[in-house]
């Protein structure tokens, strides 16, 4: 999860820094790409598996 948070911090930093208008357009393209990568790295399937495993565990008690 550190990689994802670092990618998001990079995007926030790039947005907050003062750029001229051409650099802002250019940086937004890269920020979008970085955020797409961060979304792909989110362990959504693993979280769903853990939630279901917990439910089954609690049912078996």
PDB file of N, CA and C in Angstrom:
ATOM      1  N   UNK A   1       0.816  -1.202   0.000  1.00  0.00           N
ATOM      2  CA  UNK A   1       0.000   0.000   0.000  1.00  0.00           C
ATOM      3  C   UNK A   1       0.860   1.268   0.000  1.00  0.00           C
ATOM      4  N   UNK A   2       2.139   1.151   0.377  1.00  0.00           N
ATOM      5  CA  UNK A   2       2.998   2.330   0.383  1.00  0.00           C
ATOM      6  C   UNK A   2       3.210   2.849  -1.033  1.00  0.00           C
ATOM      7  N   UNK A   3       3.287   1.958  -2.007  1.00  0.00           N
ATOM      8  CA  UNK A   3       3.483   2.388  -3.386  1.00  0.00           C
ATOM      9  C   UNK A   3       2.292   3.213  -3.845  1.00  0.00           C
ATOM     10  N   UNK A   4       1.097   2.751  -3.521  1.00  0.00           N
ATOM     11  CA  UNK A   4      -0.109   3.471  -3.926  1.00  0.00           C
ATOM     12  C   UNK A   4      -0.163   4.838  -3.272  1.00  0.00           C
ATOM     13  N   UNK A   5       0.102   4.901  -1.971  1.00  0.00           N
ATOM     14  CA  UNK A   5       0.050   6.194  -1.290  1.00  0.00           C
ATOM     15  C   UNK A   5       1.144   7.126  -1.790  1.00  0.00           C
ATOM     16  N   UNK A   6       2.308   6.584  -2.113  1.00  0.00           N
ATOM     17  CA  UNK A   6       3.383   7.413  -2.664  1.00  0.00           C
ATOM     18  C   UNK A   6       3.011   7.962  -4.041  1.00  0.00           C
ATOM     19  N   UNK A   7       2.360   7.145  -4.861  1.00  0.00           N
ATOM     20  CA  UNK A   7       1.918   7.626  -6.170  1.00  0.00           C
ATOM     21  C   UNK A   7       0.890   8.737  -6.011  1.00  0.00           C
ATOM     22  N   UNK A   8      -0.012   8.578  -5.059  1.00  0.00           N
ATOM     23  CA  UNK A   8      -1.035   9.607  -4.845  1.00  0.00           C
ATOM     24  C   UNK A   8      -0.410  10.884  -4.282  1.00  0.00           C
ATOM     25  N   UNK A   9       0.559  10.747  -3.393  1.00  0.00           N
ATOM     26  CA  UNK A   9       1.254  11.927  -2.864  1.00  0.00           C
ATOM     27  C   UNK A   9       1.995  12.657  -3.970  1.00  0.00           C
ATOM     28  N   UNK A  10       2.571  11.900  -4.907  1.00  0.00           N
ATOM     29  CA  UNK A  10       3.253  12.500  -6.048  1.00  0.00           C
ATOM     30  C   UNK A  10       2.289  13.340  -6.867  1.00  0.00           C
ATOM     31  N   UNK A  11       1.080  12.821  -7.083  1.00  0.00           N
ATOM     32  CA  UNK A  11       0.069  13.553  -7.839  1.00  0.00           C
ATOM     33  C   UNK A  11      -0.367  14.823  -7.109  1.00  0.00           C
ATOM     34  N   UNK A  12      -0.594  14.708  -5.815  1.00  0.00           N
ATOM     35  CA  UNK A  12      -0.997  15.877  -5.023  1.00  0.00           C
ATOM     36  C   UNK A  12       0.097  16.936  -5.073  1.00  0.00           C
ATOM     37  N   UNK A  13       1.327  16.507  -4.934  1.00  0.00           N
ATOM     38  CA  UNK A  13       2.453  17.434  -4.975  1.00  0.00           C
ATOM     39  C   UNK A  13       2.535  18.134  -6.333  1.00  0.00           C
ATOM     40  N   UNK A  14       2.342  17.381  -7.397  1.00  0.00           N
ATOM     41  CA  UNK A  14       2.407  17.968  -8.736  1.00  0.00           C
ATOM     42  C   UNK A  14       1.284  18.964  -8.958  1.00  0.00           C
ATOM     43  N   UNK A  15       0.102  18.675  -8.410  1.00  0.00           N
ATOM     44  CA  UNK A  15      -1.032  19.583  -8.576  1.00  0.00           C
ATOM     45  C   UNK A  15      -0.838  20.846  -7.747  1.00  0.00           C
ATOM     46  N   UNK A  16      -0.303  20.708  -6.543  1.00  0.00           N
ATOM     47  CA  UNK A  16      -0.168  21.857  -5.650  1.00  0.00           C
ATOM     48  C   UNK A  16       0.967  22.794  -6.039  1.00  0.00           C
ATOM     49  N   UNK A  17       2.001  22.275  -6.685  1.00  0.00           N
ATOM     50  CA  UNK A  17       3.121  23.129  -7.101  1.00  0.00           C
ATOM     51  C   UNK A  17       2.651  24.103  -8.170  1.00  0.00           C
ATOM     52  N   UNK A  18       3.213  25.291  -8.158  1.00  0.00           N
ATOM     53  CA  UNK A  18       2.840  26.285  -9.149  1.00  0.00           C
ATOM     54  C   UNK A  18       3.494  25.992 -10.491  1.00  0.00           C
ATOM     55  N   UNK A  19       2.680  25.810 -11.516  1.00  0.00           N
ATOM     56  CA  UNK A  19       3.168  25.595 -12.867  1.00  0.00           C
ATOM     57  C   UNK A  19       2.578  26.666 -13.759  1.00  0.00           C
ATOM     58  N   UNK A  20       3.249  26.918 -14.904  1.00  0.00           N
ATOM     59  CA  UNK A  20       2.598  27.771 -15.885  1.00  0.00           C
ATOM     60  C   UNK A  20       1.532  26.943 -16.598  1.00  0.00           C
ATOM     61  N   UNK A  21       0.691  27.577 -17.386  1.00  0.00           N
ATOM     62  CA  UNK A  21      -0.478  26.895 -17.940  1.00  0.00           C
ATOM     63  C   UNK A  21      -0.107  25.713 -18.825  1.00  0.00           C
ATOM     64  N   UNK A  22       0.966  25.810 -19.626  1.00  0.00           N
ATOM     65  CA  UNK A  22       1.364  24.688 -20.485  1.00  0.00           C
ATOM     66  C   UNK A  22       1.832  23.505 -19.653  1.00  0.00           C
ATOM     67  N   UNK A  23       2.551  23.773 -18.587  1.00  0.00           N
ATOM     68  CA  UNK A  23       3.038  22.691 -17.729  1.00  0.00           C
ATOM     69  C   UNK A  23       1.895  22.021 -16.987  1.00  0.00           C
ATOM     70  N   UNK A  24       0.866  22.791 -16.632  1.00  0.00           N
ATOM     71  CA  UNK A  24      -0.276  22.217 -15.924  1.00  0.00           C
ATOM     72  C   UNK A  24      -0.978  21.202 -16.815  1.00  0.00           C
ATOM     73  N   UNK A  25      -1.208  21.550 -18.072  1.00  0.00           N
ATOM     74  CA  UNK A  25      -1.859  20.626 -19.005  1.00  0.00           C
ATOM     75  C   UNK A  25      -0.993  19.387 -19.168  1.00  0.00           C
ATOM     76  N   UNK A  26       0.299  19.564 -19.342  1.00  0.00           N
ATOM     77  CA  UNK A  26       1.216  18.437 -19.507  1.00  0.00           C
ATOM     78  C   UNK A  26       1.252  17.578 -18.254  1.00  0.00           C
ATOM     79  N   UNK A  27       1.294  18.192 -17.074  1.00  0.00           N
ATOM     80  CA  UNK A  27       1.376  17.423 -15.834  1.00  0.00           C
ATOM     81  C   UNK A  27       0.073  16.694 -15.546  1.00  0.00           C
ATOM     82  N   UNK A  28      -1.077  17.262 -15.932  1.00  0.00           N
ATOM     83  CA  UNK A  28      -2.359  16.594 -15.699  1.00  0.00           C
ATOM     84  C   UNK A  28      -2.437  15.287 -16.475  1.00  0.00           C
ATOM     85  N   UNK A  29      -1.856  15.269 -17.663  1.00  0.00           N
ATOM     86  CA  UNK A  29      -1.847  14.032 -18.447  1.00  0.00           C
ATOM     87  C   UNK A  29      -1.070  12.967 -17.704  1.00  0.00           C
ATOM     88  N   UNK A  30       0.077  13.320 -17.189  1.00  0.00           N
ATOM     89  CA  UNK A  30       0.881  12.352 -16.459  1.00  0.00           C
ATOM     90  C   UNK A  30       0.250  11.987 -15.118  1.00  0.00           C
ATOM     91  N   UNK A  31      -0.376  12.937 -14.466  1.00  0.00           N
ATOM     92  CA  UNK A  31      -1.052  12.661 -13.198  1.00  0.00           C
ATOM     93  C   UNK A  31      -2.173  11.658 -13.425  1.00  0.00           C
ATOM     94  N   UNK A  32      -2.913  11.826 -14.506  1.00  0.00           N
ATOM     95  CA  UNK A  32      -3.975  10.874 -14.827  1.00  0.00           C
ATOM     96  C   UNK A  32      -3.407   9.477 -15.014  1.00  0.00           C
ATOM     97  N   UNK A  33      -2.313   9.374 -15.724  1.00  0.00           N
ATOM     98  CA  UNK A  33      -1.688   8.071 -15.946  1.00  0.00           C
ATOM     99  C   UNK A  33      -1.209   7.455 -14.632  1.00  0.00           C
ATOM    100  N   UNK A  34      -0.607   8.263 -13.784  1.00  0.00           N
ATOM    101  CA  UNK A  34      -0.124   7.767 -12.489  1.00  0.00           C
ATOM    102  C   UNK A  34      -1.295   7.287 -11.631  1.00  0.00           C
ATOM    103  N   UNK A  35      -2.397   8.032 -11.623  1.00  0.00           N
ATOM    104  CA  UNK A  35      -3.568   7.620 -10.841  1.00  0.00           C
ATOM    105  C   UNK A  35      -4.188   6.339 -11.395  1.00  0.00           C
ATOM    106  N   UNK A  36      -4.155   6.161 -12.711  1.00  0.00           N
ATOM    107  CA  UNK A  36      -4.649   4.910 -13.299  1.00  0.00           C
ATOM    108  C   UNK A  36      -3.813   3.727 -12.816  1.00  0.00           C
ATOM    109  N   UNK A  37      -2.507   3.928 -12.736  1.00  0.00           N
ATOM    110  CA  UNK A  37      -1.621   2.867 -12.235  1.00  0.00           C
ATOM    111  C   UNK A  37      -1.935   2.579 -10.765  1.00  0.00           C
ATOM    112  N   UNK A  38      -2.149   3.629  -9.981  1.00  0.00           N
ATOM    113  CA  UNK A  38      -2.461   3.447  -8.556  1.00  0.00           C
ATOM    114  C   UNK A  38      -3.752   2.649  -8.385  1.00  0.00           C
ATOM    115  N   UNK A  39      -4.752   2.934  -9.213  1.00  0.00           N
ATOM    116  CA  UNK A  39      -6.012   2.196  -9.136  1.00  0.00           C
ATOM    117  C   UNK A  39      -5.789   0.724  -9.452  1.00  0.00           C
ATOM    118  N   UNK A  40      -4.956   0.447 -10.456  1.00  0.00           N
ATOM    119  CA  UNK A  40      -4.664  -0.942 -10.810  1.00  0.00           C
ATOM    120  C   UNK A  40      -3.934  -1.677  -9.686  1.00  0.00           C
ATOM    121  N   UNK A  41      -3.195  -0.949  -8.876  1.00  0.00           N
ATOM    122  CA  UNK A  41      -2.438  -1.563  -7.788  1.00  0.00           C
ATOM    123  C   UNK A  41      -3.274  -1.810  -6.529  1.00  0.00           C
ATOM    124  N   UNK A  42      -4.450  -1.205  -6.459  1.00  0.00           N
ATOM    125  CA  UNK A  42      -5.291  -1.411  -5.289  1.00  0.00           C
ATOM    126  C   UNK A  42      -5.694  -2.883  -5.180  1.00  0.00           C
ATOM    127  N   UNK A  43      -5.528  -3.460  -4.017  1.00  0.00           N
ATOM    128  CA  UNK A  43      -5.834  -4.888  -3.848  1.00  0.00           C
ATOM    129  C   UNK A  43      -7.323  -5.143  -3.615  1.00  0.00           C
ATOM    130  N   UNK A  44      -8.150  -4.780  -4.581  1.00  0.00           N
ATOM    131  CA  UNK A  44      -9.600  -4.898  -4.430  1.00  0.00           C
ATOM    132  C   UNK A  44     -10.018  -6.359  -4.312  1.00  0.00           C
ATOM    133  N   UNK A  45      -9.480  -7.218  -5.177  1.00  0.00           N
ATOM    134  CA  UNK A  45      -9.848  -8.637  -5.124  1.00  0.00           C
ATOM    135  C   UNK A  45      -9.439  -9.272  -3.801  1.00  0.00           C
ATOM    136  N   UNK A  46      -8.265  -8.908  -3.323  1.00  0.00           N
ATOM    137  CA  UNK A  46      -7.796  -9.463  -2.058  1.00  0.00           C
ATOM    138  C   UNK A  46      -8.665  -9.003  -0.900  1.00  0.00           C
ATOM    139  N   UNK A  47      -9.104  -7.757  -0.943  1.00  0.00           N
ATOM    140  CA  UNK A  47      -9.970  -7.246   0.122  1.00  0.00           C
ATOM    141  C   UNK A  47     -11.313  -7.972   0.119  1.00  0.00           C
ATOM    142  N   UNK A  48     -11.857  -8.219  -1.061  1.00  0.00           N
ATOM    143  CA  UNK A  48     -13.129  -8.952  -1.145  1.00  0.00           C
ATOM    144  C   UNK A  48     -12.956 -10.376  -0.627  1.00  0.00           C
ATOM    145  N   UNK A  49     -11.834 -11.005  -0.956  1.00  0.00           N
ATOM    146  CA  UNK A  49     -11.552 -12.355  -0.469  1.00  0.00           C
ATOM    147  C   UNK A  49     -11.454 -12.374   1.052  1.00  0.00           C
ATOM    148  N   UNK A  50     -10.760 -11.402   1.617  1.00  0.00           N
ATOM    149  CA  UNK A  50     -10.614 -11.352   3.071  1.00  0.00           C
ATOM    150  C   UNK A  50     -11.953 -11.085   3.759  1.00  0.00           C
ATOM    151  N   UNK A  51     -12.771 -10.224   3.173  1.00  0.00           N
ATOM    152  CA  UNK A  51     -14.102  -9.973   3.738  1.00  0.00           C
ATOM    153  C   UNK A  51     -14.938 -11.244   3.756  1.00  0.00           C
ATOM    154  N   UNK A  52     -14.939 -11.967   2.644  1.00  0.00           N
ATOM    155  CA  UNK A  52     -15.722 -13.208   2.563  1.00  0.00           C
ATOM    156  C   UNK A  52     -15.165 -14.266   3.513  1.00  0.00           C
ATOM    157  N   UNK A  53     -13.837 -14.354   3.604  1.00  0.00           N
ATOM    158  CA  UNK A  53     -13.214 -15.316   4.521  1.00  0.00           C
ATOM    159  C   UNK A  53     -13.604 -15.020   5.960  1.00  0.00           C
ATOM    160  N   UNK A  54     -13.636 -13.746   6.311  1.00  0.00           N
ATOM    161  CA  UNK A  54     -14.030 -13.349   7.669  1.00  0.00           C
ATOM    162  C   UNK A  54     -15.475 -13.736   7.942  1.00  0.00           C
ATOM    163  N   UNK A  55     -16.350 -13.486   6.954  1.00  0.00           N
ATOM    164  CA  UNK A  55     -17.754 -13.872   7.129  1.00  0.00           C
ATOM    165  C   UNK A  55     -17.896 -15.369   7.361  1.00  0.00           C
ATOM    166  N   UNK A  56     -17.192 -16.167   6.567  1.00  0.00           N
ATOM    167  CA  UNK A  56     -17.273 -17.623   6.705  1.00  0.00           C
ATOM    168  C   UNK A  56     -16.721 -18.064   8.045  1.00  0.00           C
ATOM    169  N   UNK A  57     -15.647 -17.431   8.482  1.00  0.00           N
ATOM    170  CA  UNK A  57     -15.051 -17.754   9.771  1.00  0.00           C
ATOM    171  C   UNK A  57     -16.029 -17.480  10.912  1.00  0.00           C
ATOM    172  N   UNK A  58     -16.668 -16.318  10.845  1.00  0.00           N
ATOM    173  CA  UNK A  58     -17.607 -15.938  11.893  1.00  0.00           C
ATOM    174  C   UNK A  58     -18.861 -16.817  11.878  1.00  0.00           C
ATOM    175  N   UNK A  59     -19.267 -17.277  10.698  1.00  0.00           N
ATOM    176  CA  UNK A  59     -20.414 -18.186  10.615  1.00  0.00           C
ATOM    177  C   UNK A  59     -20.082 -19.548  11.247  1.00  0.00           C
ATOM    178  N   UNK A  60     -18.851 -19.960  11.140  1.00  0.00           N
ATOM    179  CA  UNK A  60     -18.441 -21.261  11.657  1.00  0.00           C
ATOM    180  C   UNK A  60     -18.207 -21.303  13.150  1.00  0.00           C
ATOM    181  N   UNK A  61     -18.247 -20.184  13.797  1.00  0.00           N
ATOM    182  CA  UNK A  61     -17.994 -20.132  15.252  1.00  0.00           C
ATOM    183  C   UNK A  61     -19.110 -20.676  16.016  1.00  0.00           C
TER     184      UNK A  61
END
